[in-house]
Amino acid sequence: MNNNNNNNSNNYKNNNYKNNNYRNNNNGYKNKNNYKNNNNVNNNNSNNYKNKDNNKIGVLFVCLGNICRSPMAEAVFRHEVKRRHLYDKFIIDSCGTGGYHTGSPPDGRTRSVCKNNKVQINHKARRIRKEDYFNFDYILCMDYKNLDNLLRIEPKNSKAEVQLFGEFDPDGEIVIKDPYFSRGTEAFKYIFDQMMRCSEGFLEHLGLLDD
């Protein structure tokens, strides 16, 4: 990986890019029972990622528009599982809670940062679908607003664990903030580093890292 990212990450930490208020924001988001009554989910298309192999772990990354954070998370996590020869254990995808960019490729800055770190990325934006809650084991989102929206529309009897991807960050930085309105690529480099840490933390949580 590009060592320059470490310096960029430190610059953003020192520039109050971390918001500690997010870390302490419990707000009852863990109580799924409060959100299971609304099944108004976009369900226009069949899910090509239906998990027919119960031995595979389905992981869906989610942000707002599915062009910045979640496709990067998908690409980074796929890169990490391939590097560790674990790819055959997973089904990996990403989507957004909104359909604003449906069919669009990832933001150019997301693609640039991934390319500079030799991480392949190839995705077309889509919106969350009802069947995602049954076809994936984990739905991992980027911030509390994503989490609120996902739990609000979660159908009854969903099999997916819906939580923040940042909960697996060993540095304890729970929120992966939206870099869409930032200038340049610095914020994208910052979240790339977060996603690398979260990917490793998630694999550790699954018990798939070597001792």
N, C-alpha and C. Protein backbone atom coordinates (compact mmCIF):
# COMPACT_ATOMS: atom_id res chain seq x y z
N MET A 1 0.82 -1.19 0.00
CA MET A 1 0.00 0.00 0.00
C MET A 1 0.87 1.26 0.00
N ASN A 2 0.31 2.35 -0.42
CA ASN A 2 1.06 3.59 -0.54
C ASN A 2 1.32 4.18 0.83
N ASN A 3 2.61 4.33 1.18
CA ASN A 3 2.96 4.84 2.50
C ASN A 3 2.54 6.28 2.70
N ASN A 4 2.29 7.00 1.59
CA ASN A 4 1.86 8.40 1.73
C ASN A 4 0.53 8.52 2.43
N ASN A 5 -0.26 7.43 2.39
CA ASN A 5 -1.59 7.48 3.02
C ASN A 5 -1.49 7.70 4.51
N ASN A 6 -0.42 7.18 5.14
CA ASN A 6 -0.28 7.34 6.58
C ASN A 6 -0.15 8.80 6.96
N ASN A 7 0.63 9.55 6.17
CA ASN A 7 0.79 10.97 6.45
C ASN A 7 -0.51 11.72 6.24
N ASN A 8 -1.22 11.35 5.17
CA ASN A 8 -2.50 12.01 4.91
C ASN A 8 -3.51 11.73 6.01
N SER A 9 -3.49 10.50 6.53
CA SER A 9 -4.41 10.15 7.60
C SER A 9 -4.15 10.98 8.83
N ASN A 10 -2.87 11.14 9.15
CA ASN A 10 -2.53 11.92 10.33
C ASN A 10 -2.97 13.37 10.19
N ASN A 11 -2.83 13.90 8.96
CA ASN A 11 -3.25 15.28 8.73
C ASN A 11 -4.74 15.44 8.99
N TYR A 12 -5.54 14.45 8.58
CA TYR A 12 -6.98 14.56 8.78
C TYR A 12 -7.36 14.36 10.23
N LYS A 13 -6.62 13.51 10.94
CA LYS A 13 -6.91 13.36 12.36
C LYS A 13 -6.66 14.66 13.09
N ASN A 14 -5.58 15.33 12.72
CA ASN A 14 -5.23 16.58 13.40
C ASN A 14 -6.12 17.73 12.98
N ASN A 15 -6.87 17.53 11.90
CA ASN A 15 -7.75 18.57 11.39
C ASN A 15 -9.20 18.31 11.79
N ASN A 16 -9.34 17.61 12.93
CA ASN A 16 -10.68 17.33 13.48
C ASN A 16 -11.55 16.54 12.53
N TYR A 17 -10.93 15.71 11.68
CA TYR A 17 -11.74 14.87 10.79
C TYR A 17 -12.51 13.84 11.60
N LYS A 18 -11.90 13.39 12.70
CA LYS A 18 -12.63 12.50 13.61
C LYS A 18 -13.64 13.32 14.38
N ASN A 19 -14.83 12.80 14.53
CA ASN A 19 -15.83 13.47 15.35
C ASN A 19 -16.19 12.54 16.49
N ASN A 20 -15.65 12.83 17.66
CA ASN A 20 -15.85 11.94 18.80
C ASN A 20 -17.31 11.86 19.23
N ASN A 21 -18.10 12.86 18.83
CA ASN A 21 -19.52 12.81 19.19
C ASN A 21 -20.20 11.59 18.58
N TYR A 22 -19.72 11.16 17.39
CA TYR A 22 -20.30 9.99 16.75
C TYR A 22 -20.04 8.74 17.59
N ARG A 23 -18.86 8.66 18.17
CA ARG A 23 -18.51 7.46 18.92
C ARG A 23 -19.44 7.25 20.10
N ASN A 24 -19.89 8.34 20.69
CA ASN A 24 -20.71 8.25 21.88
C ASN A 24 -22.21 8.28 21.59
N ASN A 25 -22.54 8.24 20.29
CA ASN A 25 -23.93 8.36 19.88
C ASN A 25 -24.59 7.00 19.86
N ASN A 26 -25.23 6.61 20.95
CA ASN A 26 -25.90 5.32 21.01
C ASN A 26 -27.30 5.39 20.42
N ASN A 27 -28.09 6.36 20.87
CA ASN A 27 -29.39 6.68 20.26
C ASN A 27 -30.30 5.49 20.03
N GLY A 28 -30.05 4.37 20.67
CA GLY A 28 -30.95 3.24 20.54
C GLY A 28 -30.91 2.55 19.20
N TYR A 29 -29.85 2.76 18.40
CA TYR A 29 -29.82 2.16 17.09
C TYR A 29 -29.68 0.65 17.14
N LYS A 30 -29.19 0.12 18.24
CA LYS A 30 -29.02 -1.32 18.35
C LYS A 30 -30.34 -2.05 18.55
N ASN A 31 -31.40 -1.32 18.90
CA ASN A 31 -32.68 -1.97 19.16
C ASN A 31 -33.45 -2.13 17.86
N LYS A 32 -33.25 -3.26 17.19
CA LYS A 32 -33.86 -3.46 15.88
C LYS A 32 -35.38 -3.54 15.95
N ASN A 33 -35.91 -3.94 17.09
CA ASN A 33 -37.36 -4.12 17.19
C ASN A 33 -38.11 -2.81 16.93
N ASN A 34 -37.44 -1.68 17.12
CA ASN A 34 -38.09 -0.40 16.90
C ASN A 34 -38.22 -0.06 15.43
N TYR A 35 -37.56 -0.84 14.56
CA TYR A 35 -37.47 -0.44 13.16
C TYR A 35 -38.02 -1.47 12.19
N LYS A 36 -38.62 -2.55 12.66
CA LYS A 36 -38.94 -3.66 11.78
C LYS A 36 -40.33 -3.58 11.16
N ASN A 37 -41.05 -2.50 11.35
CA ASN A 37 -42.42 -2.45 10.87
C ASN A 37 -42.57 -1.86 9.47
N ASN A 38 -41.51 -1.21 8.97
CA ASN A 38 -41.60 -0.56 7.68
C ASN A 38 -40.87 -1.38 6.64
N ASN A 39 -41.60 -1.98 5.72
CA ASN A 39 -41.00 -2.84 4.70
C ASN A 39 -40.90 -2.14 3.36
N ASN A 40 -40.89 -0.81 3.34
CA ASN A 40 -40.89 -0.04 2.10
C ASN A 40 -39.47 -0.01 1.53
N VAL A 41 -39.10 -1.11 0.86
CA VAL A 41 -37.76 -1.23 0.28
C VAL A 41 -37.89 -1.40 -1.22
N ASN A 42 -36.97 -0.78 -1.96
CA ASN A 42 -36.99 -0.93 -3.41
C ASN A 42 -36.78 -2.39 -3.78
N ASN A 43 -37.72 -2.96 -4.53
CA ASN A 43 -37.68 -4.39 -4.85
C ASN A 43 -38.03 -4.60 -6.32
N ASN A 44 -37.44 -3.77 -7.20
CA ASN A 44 -37.81 -3.84 -8.61
C ASN A 44 -37.07 -4.93 -9.36
N ASN A 45 -35.88 -5.29 -8.90
CA ASN A 45 -35.06 -6.24 -9.63
C ASN A 45 -34.70 -7.42 -8.75
N SER A 46 -34.47 -8.57 -9.38
CA SER A 46 -34.02 -9.72 -8.62
C SER A 46 -32.58 -9.52 -8.20
N ASN A 47 -32.19 -10.15 -7.10
CA ASN A 47 -30.84 -9.97 -6.58
C ASN A 47 -29.91 -11.00 -7.19
N ASN A 48 -28.95 -10.53 -7.99
CA ASN A 48 -28.01 -11.44 -8.64
C ASN A 48 -27.02 -12.04 -7.66
N TYR A 49 -27.01 -11.55 -6.42
CA TYR A 49 -26.05 -12.02 -5.44
C TYR A 49 -26.69 -12.97 -4.44
N LYS A 50 -27.83 -13.58 -4.82
CA LYS A 50 -28.51 -14.47 -3.89
C LYS A 50 -27.55 -15.56 -3.41
N ASN A 51 -27.46 -15.70 -2.11
CA ASN A 51 -26.52 -16.64 -1.52
C ASN A 51 -27.12 -18.04 -1.50
N LYS A 52 -26.79 -18.83 -2.53
CA LYS A 52 -27.30 -20.19 -2.62
C LYS A 52 -26.38 -21.17 -1.90
N ASP A 53 -25.20 -20.72 -1.53
CA ASP A 53 -24.23 -21.56 -0.85
C ASP A 53 -24.15 -21.15 0.60
N ASN A 54 -24.76 -21.94 1.48
CA ASN A 54 -24.82 -21.59 2.89
C ASN A 54 -23.45 -21.58 3.55
N ASN A 55 -22.46 -22.15 2.85
CA ASN A 55 -21.12 -22.17 3.42
C ASN A 55 -20.39 -20.85 3.20
N LYS A 56 -20.93 -20.00 2.34
CA LYS A 56 -20.30 -18.71 2.08
C LYS A 56 -20.92 -17.63 2.96
N ILE A 57 -20.11 -16.65 3.31
CA ILE A 57 -20.54 -15.53 4.14
C ILE A 57 -20.88 -14.36 3.23
N GLY A 58 -22.12 -13.92 3.26
CA GLY A 58 -22.54 -12.79 2.44
C GLY A 58 -22.33 -11.48 3.17
N VAL A 59 -21.58 -10.56 2.54
CA VAL A 59 -21.27 -9.27 3.15
C VAL A 59 -21.68 -8.16 2.19
N LEU A 60 -22.54 -7.27 2.65
CA LEU A 60 -23.02 -6.15 1.85
C LEU A 60 -22.63 -4.84 2.54
N PHE A 61 -21.89 -4.00 1.82
CA PHE A 61 -21.47 -2.70 2.35
C PHE A 61 -22.43 -1.62 1.85
N VAL A 62 -22.80 -0.71 2.75
CA VAL A 62 -23.84 0.27 2.43
C VAL A 62 -23.43 1.67 2.85
N CYS A 63 -23.66 2.63 1.96
CA CYS A 63 -23.57 4.06 2.32
C CYS A 63 -24.82 4.74 1.76
N LEU A 64 -24.76 6.02 1.50
CA LEU A 64 -25.95 6.74 1.03
C LEU A 64 -26.20 6.52 -0.45
N GLY A 65 -25.24 6.90 -1.30
CA GLY A 65 -25.46 6.86 -2.74
C GLY A 65 -24.77 5.74 -3.48
N ASN A 66 -23.88 4.99 -2.78
CA ASN A 66 -23.17 3.86 -3.37
C ASN A 66 -22.21 4.28 -4.48
N ILE A 67 -21.57 5.45 -4.31
CA ILE A 67 -20.53 5.84 -5.27
C ILE A 67 -19.21 6.21 -4.61
N CYS A 68 -19.20 6.43 -3.30
CA CYS A 68 -17.95 6.82 -2.63
C CYS A 68 -17.48 5.77 -1.63
N ARG A 69 -18.18 5.68 -0.51
CA ARG A 69 -17.69 4.85 0.59
C ARG A 69 -17.94 3.36 0.40
N SER A 70 -19.18 2.97 0.13
CA SER A 70 -19.49 1.54 0.08
C SER A 70 -18.80 0.80 -1.07
N PRO A 71 -18.69 1.39 -2.28
CA PRO A 71 -17.94 0.66 -3.30
C PRO A 71 -16.45 0.56 -2.96
N MET A 72 -15.92 1.56 -2.26
CA MET A 72 -14.54 1.46 -1.80
C MET A 72 -14.39 0.36 -0.76
N ALA A 73 -15.34 0.30 0.17
CA ALA A 73 -15.30 -0.75 1.19
C ALA A 73 -15.39 -2.13 0.54
N GLU A 74 -16.28 -2.26 -0.43
CA GLU A 74 -16.41 -3.53 -1.16
C GLU A 74 -15.09 -3.91 -1.81
N ALA A 75 -14.47 -2.95 -2.50
CA ALA A 75 -13.21 -3.21 -3.21
C ALA A 75 -12.08 -3.55 -2.25
N VAL A 76 -11.98 -2.79 -1.16
CA VAL A 76 -10.91 -3.03 -0.18
C VAL A 76 -11.08 -4.39 0.48
N PHE A 77 -12.30 -4.71 0.89
CA PHE A 77 -12.53 -5.98 1.55
C PHE A 77 -12.27 -7.14 0.59
N ARG A 78 -12.72 -7.01 -0.65
CA ARG A 78 -12.46 -8.06 -1.64
C ARG A 78 -10.96 -8.24 -1.85
N HIS A 79 -10.24 -7.13 -1.92
CA HIS A 79 -8.79 -7.18 -2.07
C HIS A 79 -8.14 -7.93 -0.91
N GLU A 80 -8.59 -7.64 0.30
CA GLU A 80 -8.00 -8.26 1.48
C GLU A 80 -8.30 -9.76 1.56
N VAL A 81 -9.51 -10.16 1.23
CA VAL A 81 -9.82 -11.59 1.30
C VAL A 81 -9.11 -12.36 0.19
N LYS A 82 -8.95 -11.73 -0.97
CA LYS A 82 -8.18 -12.38 -2.04
C LYS A 82 -6.72 -12.53 -1.63
N ARG A 83 -6.18 -11.48 -1.05
CA ARG A 83 -4.78 -11.52 -0.63
C ARG A 83 -4.52 -12.61 0.39
N ARG A 84 -5.52 -12.91 1.18
CA ARG A 84 -5.39 -13.95 2.21
C ARG A 84 -5.94 -15.30 1.76
N HIS A 85 -6.26 -15.41 0.46
CA HIS A 85 -6.77 -16.66 -0.11
C HIS A 85 -8.06 -17.11 0.58
N LEU A 86 -8.93 -16.14 0.85
CA LEU A 86 -10.20 -16.41 1.52
C LEU A 86 -11.40 -16.09 0.63
N TYR A 87 -11.15 -15.73 -0.61
CA TYR A 87 -12.22 -15.21 -1.45
C TYR A 87 -13.35 -16.20 -1.66
N ASP A 88 -13.03 -17.50 -1.69
CA ASP A 88 -14.05 -18.51 -1.92
C ASP A 88 -15.01 -18.67 -0.74
N LYS A 89 -14.71 -17.99 0.35
CA LYS A 89 -15.57 -18.06 1.54
C LYS A 89 -16.64 -16.98 1.56
N PHE A 90 -16.60 -16.04 0.59
CA PHE A 90 -17.45 -14.85 0.69
C PHE A 90 -18.26 -14.59 -0.58
N ILE A 91 -19.38 -13.91 -0.38
CA ILE A 91 -20.12 -13.20 -1.42
C ILE A 91 -20.12 -11.75 -1.00
N ILE A 92 -19.63 -10.85 -1.85
CA ILE A 92 -19.38 -9.45 -1.47
C ILE A 92 -20.06 -8.52 -2.46
N ASP A 93 -20.73 -7.50 -1.95
CA ASP A 93 -21.39 -6.51 -2.81
C ASP A 93 -21.52 -5.21 -2.02
N SER A 94 -22.03 -4.17 -2.67
CA SER A 94 -22.31 -2.91 -1.99
C SER A 94 -23.54 -2.27 -2.61
N CYS A 95 -24.15 -1.35 -1.87
CA CYS A 95 -25.33 -0.63 -2.37
C CYS A 95 -25.51 0.64 -1.55
N GLY A 96 -26.54 1.40 -1.87
CA GLY A 96 -26.84 2.63 -1.15
C GLY A 96 -28.24 2.59 -0.55
N THR A 97 -28.48 3.42 0.45
CA THR A 97 -29.83 3.53 0.99
C THR A 97 -30.71 4.38 0.07
N GLY A 98 -30.08 5.19 -0.76
CA GLY A 98 -30.80 6.01 -1.74
C GLY A 98 -30.46 5.57 -3.15
N GLY A 99 -31.33 5.91 -4.08
CA GLY A 99 -31.12 5.52 -5.47
C GLY A 99 -30.66 6.65 -6.36
N TYR A 100 -30.03 7.66 -5.77
CA TYR A 100 -29.66 8.88 -6.50
C TYR A 100 -28.72 8.62 -7.67
N HIS A 101 -27.86 7.62 -7.55
CA HIS A 101 -26.81 7.39 -8.55
C HIS A 101 -26.91 6.02 -9.20
N THR A 102 -28.10 5.43 -9.19
CA THR A 102 -28.27 4.07 -9.71
C THR A 102 -27.67 3.93 -11.11
N GLY A 103 -26.84 2.92 -11.27
CA GLY A 103 -26.21 2.65 -12.55
C GLY A 103 -24.90 3.36 -12.78
N SER A 104 -24.54 4.28 -11.88
CA SER A 104 -23.31 5.06 -12.05
C SER A 104 -22.09 4.31 -11.51
N PRO A 105 -20.91 4.58 -12.08
CA PRO A 105 -19.68 4.00 -11.54
C PRO A 105 -19.28 4.74 -10.26
N PRO A 106 -18.33 4.21 -9.50
CA PRO A 106 -17.88 4.92 -8.31
C PRO A 106 -17.31 6.30 -8.64
N ASP A 107 -17.36 7.19 -7.68
CA ASP A 107 -16.77 8.53 -7.79
C ASP A 107 -15.32 8.40 -8.28
N GLY A 108 -14.90 9.32 -9.13
CA GLY A 108 -13.56 9.26 -9.68
C GLY A 108 -12.47 9.28 -8.62
N ARG A 109 -12.73 9.95 -7.50
CA ARG A 109 -11.74 10.00 -6.43
C ARG A 109 -11.64 8.66 -5.71
N THR A 110 -12.77 7.96 -5.57
CA THR A 110 -12.73 6.61 -5.02
C THR A 110 -11.90 5.70 -5.92
N ARG A 111 -12.15 5.79 -7.22
CA ARG A 111 -11.41 4.96 -8.17
C ARG A 111 -9.92 5.29 -8.18
N SER A 112 -9.61 6.58 -8.09
CA SER A 112 -8.21 7.00 -8.09
C SER A 112 -7.45 6.47 -6.89
N VAL A 113 -8.05 6.60 -5.69
CA VAL A 113 -7.38 6.13 -4.48
C VAL A 113 -7.21 4.61 -4.51
N CYS A 114 -8.22 3.91 -4.97
CA CYS A 114 -8.10 2.45 -5.08
C CYS A 114 -7.00 2.07 -6.07
N LYS A 115 -6.99 2.71 -7.21
CA LYS A 115 -5.98 2.42 -8.23
C LYS A 115 -4.57 2.69 -7.70
N ASN A 116 -4.39 3.78 -6.98
CA ASN A 116 -3.07 4.12 -6.45
C ASN A 116 -2.59 3.13 -5.40
N ASN A 117 -3.54 2.38 -4.82
CA ASN A 117 -3.19 1.37 -3.83
C ASN A 117 -3.31 -0.06 -4.39
N LYS A 118 -3.41 -0.12 -5.73
CA LYS A 118 -3.46 -1.41 -6.43
C LYS A 118 -4.65 -2.27 -5.98
N VAL A 119 -5.76 -1.59 -5.73
CA VAL A 119 -7.01 -2.27 -5.37
C VAL A 119 -7.97 -2.14 -6.54
N GLN A 120 -8.39 -3.25 -7.10
CA GLN A 120 -9.31 -3.23 -8.22
C GLN A 120 -10.71 -2.85 -7.76
N ILE A 121 -11.39 -2.03 -8.57
CA ILE A 121 -12.75 -1.63 -8.24
C ILE A 121 -13.57 -1.61 -9.51
N ASN A 122 -14.72 -2.27 -9.47
CA ASN A 122 -15.61 -2.35 -10.63
C ASN A 122 -17.03 -2.53 -10.12
N HIS A 123 -17.81 -1.46 -10.16
CA HIS A 123 -19.14 -1.51 -9.55
C HIS A 123 -20.06 -0.51 -10.22
N LYS A 124 -21.33 -0.84 -10.25
CA LYS A 124 -22.38 0.08 -10.68
C LYS A 124 -23.34 0.28 -9.51
N ALA A 125 -23.63 1.53 -9.20
CA ALA A 125 -24.43 1.84 -8.01
C ALA A 125 -25.83 1.26 -8.11
N ARG A 126 -26.33 0.83 -6.96
CA ARG A 126 -27.70 0.36 -6.86
C ARG A 126 -28.22 0.69 -5.46
N ARG A 127 -29.52 0.53 -5.31
CA ARG A 127 -30.17 0.81 -4.04
C ARG A 127 -30.42 -0.49 -3.27
N ILE A 128 -30.48 -0.41 -1.96
CA ILE A 128 -30.80 -1.56 -1.11
C ILE A 128 -32.13 -2.17 -1.52
N ARG A 129 -32.21 -3.49 -1.48
CA ARG A 129 -33.43 -4.21 -1.84
C ARG A 129 -33.87 -5.09 -0.67
N LYS A 130 -35.13 -5.39 -0.62
CA LYS A 130 -35.67 -6.20 0.46
C LYS A 130 -34.94 -7.53 0.59
N GLU A 131 -34.65 -8.16 -0.54
CA GLU A 131 -34.04 -9.48 -0.50
C GLU A 131 -32.60 -9.45 0.02
N ASP A 132 -31.99 -8.26 0.03
CA ASP A 132 -30.63 -8.17 0.57
C ASP A 132 -30.58 -8.60 2.03
N TYR A 133 -31.65 -8.33 2.74
CA TYR A 133 -31.69 -8.66 4.17
C TYR A 133 -31.75 -10.18 4.41
N PHE A 134 -32.08 -10.93 3.37
CA PHE A 134 -32.15 -12.38 3.47
C PHE A 134 -31.00 -13.07 2.75
N ASN A 135 -30.38 -12.38 1.80
CA ASN A 135 -29.32 -12.98 1.00
C ASN A 135 -27.93 -12.71 1.55
N PHE A 136 -27.82 -11.78 2.49
CA PHE A 136 -26.52 -11.46 3.07
C PHE A 136 -26.55 -11.71 4.58
N ASP A 137 -25.41 -12.15 5.08
CA ASP A 137 -25.28 -12.41 6.52
C ASP A 137 -24.96 -11.14 7.29
N TYR A 138 -24.20 -10.24 6.67
CA TYR A 138 -23.80 -8.99 7.30
C TYR A 138 -24.11 -7.83 6.36
N ILE A 139 -24.78 -6.82 6.87
CA ILE A 139 -24.96 -5.56 6.15
C ILE A 139 -24.21 -4.51 6.96
N LEU A 140 -23.11 -4.04 6.41
CA LEU A 140 -22.20 -3.16 7.13
C LEU A 140 -22.24 -1.76 6.54
N CYS A 141 -22.67 -0.80 7.33
CA CYS A 141 -22.85 0.56 6.83
C CYS A 141 -21.80 1.50 7.40
N MET A 142 -21.82 2.74 6.91
CA MET A 142 -20.72 3.66 7.17
C MET A 142 -20.98 4.64 8.30
N ASP A 143 -22.22 5.06 8.51
CA ASP A 143 -22.48 6.05 9.56
C ASP A 143 -23.84 5.79 10.20
N TYR A 144 -24.17 6.57 11.22
CA TYR A 144 -25.39 6.34 11.99
C TYR A 144 -26.65 6.63 11.17
N LYS A 145 -26.57 7.55 10.23
CA LYS A 145 -27.73 7.82 9.39
C LYS A 145 -28.03 6.62 8.50
N ASN A 146 -26.98 6.03 7.92
CA ASN A 146 -27.17 4.79 7.16
C ASN A 146 -27.80 3.72 8.02
N LEU A 147 -27.28 3.58 9.23
CA LEU A 147 -27.77 2.55 10.14
C LEU A 147 -29.24 2.77 10.48
N ASP A 148 -29.60 4.00 10.77
CA ASP A 148 -30.98 4.35 11.07
C ASP A 148 -31.89 3.95 9.91
N ASN A 149 -31.50 4.32 8.68
CA ASN A 149 -32.31 4.02 7.51
C ASN A 149 -32.43 2.51 7.28
N LEU A 150 -31.33 1.80 7.44
CA LEU A 150 -31.35 0.35 7.21
C LEU A 150 -32.23 -0.38 8.21
N LEU A 151 -32.16 0.03 9.48
CA LEU A 151 -32.97 -0.61 10.50
C LEU A 151 -34.44 -0.24 10.38
N ARG A 152 -34.71 0.97 9.91
CA ARG A 152 -36.08 1.43 9.75
C ARG A 152 -36.82 0.62 8.69
N ILE A 153 -36.13 0.22 7.63
CA ILE A 153 -36.77 -0.51 6.54
C ILE A 153 -36.51 -2.01 6.60
N GLU A 154 -35.85 -2.46 7.65
CA GLU A 154 -35.51 -3.87 7.76
C GLU A 154 -36.77 -4.73 7.84
N PRO A 155 -36.94 -5.71 6.95
CA PRO A 155 -38.13 -6.57 7.00
C PRO A 155 -38.09 -7.54 8.18
N LYS A 156 -39.25 -8.01 8.55
CA LYS A 156 -39.32 -8.99 9.62
C LYS A 156 -38.61 -10.27 9.20
N ASN A 157 -38.04 -10.94 10.18
CA ASN A 157 -37.34 -12.21 9.96
C ASN A 157 -36.09 -12.06 9.12
N SER A 158 -35.56 -10.85 9.03
CA SER A 158 -34.29 -10.64 8.34
C SER A 158 -33.21 -11.50 8.98
N LYS A 159 -32.35 -12.06 8.14
CA LYS A 159 -31.27 -12.89 8.69
C LYS A 159 -29.98 -12.09 8.86
N ALA A 160 -29.93 -10.90 8.28
CA ALA A 160 -28.68 -10.13 8.27
C ALA A 160 -28.40 -9.45 9.60
N GLU A 161 -27.13 -9.40 9.96
CA GLU A 161 -26.67 -8.57 11.06
C GLU A 161 -26.38 -7.19 10.48
N VAL A 162 -27.11 -6.19 10.93
CA VAL A 162 -26.96 -4.83 10.41
C VAL A 162 -26.18 -4.01 11.43
N GLN A 163 -25.02 -3.51 11.04
CA GLN A 163 -24.20 -2.75 11.97
C GLN A 163 -23.22 -1.85 11.22
N LEU A 164 -22.50 -1.05 11.99
CA LEU A 164 -21.52 -0.15 11.41
C LEU A 164 -20.23 -0.91 11.09
N PHE A 165 -19.71 -0.69 9.91
CA PHE A 165 -18.42 -1.29 9.53
C PHE A 165 -17.33 -0.83 10.48
N GLY A 166 -17.42 0.42 10.92
CA GLY A 166 -16.41 0.98 11.81
C GLY A 166 -16.34 0.33 13.19
N GLU A 167 -17.34 -0.47 13.54
CA GLU A 167 -17.28 -1.17 14.81
C GLU A 167 -16.12 -2.16 14.86
N PHE A 168 -15.59 -2.49 13.68
CA PHE A 168 -14.48 -3.44 13.61
C PHE A 168 -13.13 -2.75 13.49
N ASP A 169 -13.12 -1.42 13.60
CA ASP A 169 -11.87 -0.67 13.52
C ASP A 169 -11.09 -0.83 14.82
N PRO A 170 -9.90 -1.42 14.79
CA PRO A 170 -9.12 -1.57 16.03
C PRO A 170 -8.72 -0.24 16.65
N ASP A 171 -8.76 0.84 15.85
CA ASP A 171 -8.46 2.17 16.39
C ASP A 171 -9.68 2.82 17.03
N GLY A 172 -10.83 2.17 16.95
CA GLY A 172 -12.03 2.67 17.61
C GLY A 172 -12.71 3.83 16.91
N GLU A 173 -12.40 4.05 15.64
CA GLU A 173 -13.05 5.14 14.89
C GLU A 173 -14.29 4.58 14.20
N ILE A 174 -15.42 4.73 14.83
CA ILE A 174 -16.62 3.98 14.44
C ILE A 174 -17.26 4.51 13.16
N VAL A 175 -17.26 5.81 12.96
CA VAL A 175 -17.93 6.39 11.80
C VAL A 175 -16.95 6.59 10.65
N ILE A 176 -17.38 6.18 9.46
CA ILE A 176 -16.64 6.45 8.23
C ILE A 176 -17.39 7.57 7.52
N LYS A 177 -16.86 8.78 7.63
CA LYS A 177 -17.59 9.97 7.17
C LYS A 177 -17.62 10.08 5.65
N ASP A 178 -18.67 10.69 5.16
CA ASP A 178 -18.89 10.85 3.72
C ASP A 178 -17.92 11.89 3.16
N PRO A 179 -17.05 11.51 2.21
CA PRO A 179 -16.09 12.46 1.64
C PRO A 179 -16.59 13.15 0.38
N TYR A 180 -17.85 12.91 0.00
CA TYR A 180 -18.36 13.34 -1.30
C TYR A 180 -18.17 14.83 -1.55
N PHE A 181 -18.44 15.66 -0.54
CA PHE A 181 -18.39 17.11 -0.74
C PHE A 181 -17.01 17.70 -0.43
N SER A 182 -16.04 16.85 -0.15
CA SER A 182 -14.69 17.35 0.11
C SER A 182 -13.99 17.65 -1.21
N ARG A 183 -12.94 18.44 -1.13
CA ARG A 183 -12.15 18.75 -2.32
C ARG A 183 -10.96 17.81 -2.42
N GLY A 184 -10.65 17.41 -3.63
CA GLY A 184 -9.50 16.56 -3.83
C GLY A 184 -9.71 15.15 -3.30
N THR A 185 -8.60 14.47 -3.01
CA THR A 185 -8.66 13.07 -2.63
C THR A 185 -8.25 12.81 -1.18
N GLU A 186 -7.91 13.85 -0.42
CA GLU A 186 -7.39 13.62 0.93
C GLU A 186 -8.38 12.86 1.82
N ALA A 187 -9.63 13.26 1.79
CA ALA A 187 -10.64 12.58 2.61
C ALA A 187 -10.85 11.14 2.15
N PHE A 188 -10.70 10.90 0.86
CA PHE A 188 -10.84 9.55 0.32
C PHE A 188 -9.66 8.68 0.75
N LYS A 189 -8.48 9.27 0.79
CA LYS A 189 -7.31 8.52 1.29
C LYS A 189 -7.49 8.18 2.76
N TYR A 190 -8.08 9.10 3.48
CA TYR A 190 -8.31 8.88 4.92
C TYR A 190 -9.26 7.71 5.15
N ILE A 191 -10.38 7.68 4.44
CA ILE A 191 -11.33 6.59 4.66
C ILE A 191 -10.80 5.28 4.10
N PHE A 192 -9.94 5.34 3.11
CA PHE A 192 -9.31 4.11 2.61
C PHE A 192 -8.55 3.43 3.74
N ASP A 193 -7.78 4.21 4.50
CA ASP A 193 -7.04 3.66 5.63
C ASP A 193 -7.99 3.08 6.68
N GLN A 194 -9.09 3.78 6.93
CA GLN A 194 -10.09 3.25 7.86
C GLN A 194 -10.60 1.90 7.38
N MET A 195 -10.90 1.79 6.11
CA MET A 195 -11.48 0.57 5.58
C MET A 195 -10.49 -0.59 5.60
N MET A 196 -9.23 -0.29 5.42
CA MET A 196 -8.21 -1.33 5.56
C MET A 196 -8.21 -1.89 6.97
N ARG A 197 -8.27 -1.00 7.96
CA ARG A 197 -8.28 -1.45 9.35
C ARG A 197 -9.56 -2.22 9.66
N CYS A 198 -10.69 -1.71 9.19
CA CYS A 198 -11.97 -2.35 9.46
C CYS A 198 -12.04 -3.73 8.81
N SER A 199 -11.49 -3.86 7.62
CA SER A 199 -11.50 -5.16 6.93
C SER A 199 -10.74 -6.19 7.74
N GLU A 200 -9.58 -5.80 8.22
CA GLU A 200 -8.78 -6.73 9.03
C GLU A 200 -9.51 -7.05 10.33
N GLY A 201 -10.11 -6.03 10.95
CA GLY A 201 -10.85 -6.25 12.19
C GLY A 201 -12.04 -7.16 11.99
N PHE A 202 -12.73 -7.01 10.87
CA PHE A 202 -13.89 -7.85 10.59
C PHE A 202 -13.46 -9.30 10.36
N LEU A 203 -12.37 -9.51 9.62
CA LEU A 203 -11.86 -10.86 9.40
C LEU A 203 -11.43 -11.50 10.73
N GLU A 204 -10.86 -10.68 11.60
CA GLU A 204 -10.50 -11.19 12.92
C GLU A 204 -11.76 -11.59 13.70
N HIS A 205 -12.79 -10.75 13.60
CA HIS A 205 -14.07 -11.06 14.26
C HIS A 205 -14.63 -12.39 13.77
N LEU A 206 -14.46 -12.68 12.48
CA LEU A 206 -14.96 -13.92 11.90
C LEU A 206 -14.06 -15.10 12.21
N GLY A 207 -12.91 -14.85 12.82
CA GLY A 207 -11.97 -15.92 13.15
C GLY A 207 -11.21 -16.44 11.95
N LEU A 208 -11.00 -15.56 10.95
CA LEU A 208 -10.37 -15.99 9.71
C LEU A 208 -8.95 -15.48 9.52
N LEU A 209 -8.41 -14.80 10.52
CA LEU A 209 -7.03 -14.35 10.44
C LEU A 209 -6.11 -15.40 11.05
N ASP A 210 -4.95 -15.54 10.43
CA ASP A 210 -3.96 -16.47 10.98
C ASP A 210 -3.45 -15.95 12.30
N ASP A 211 -3.16 -16.85 13.21
CA ASP A 211 -2.61 -16.47 14.52
C ASP A 211 -1.19 -15.92 14.36
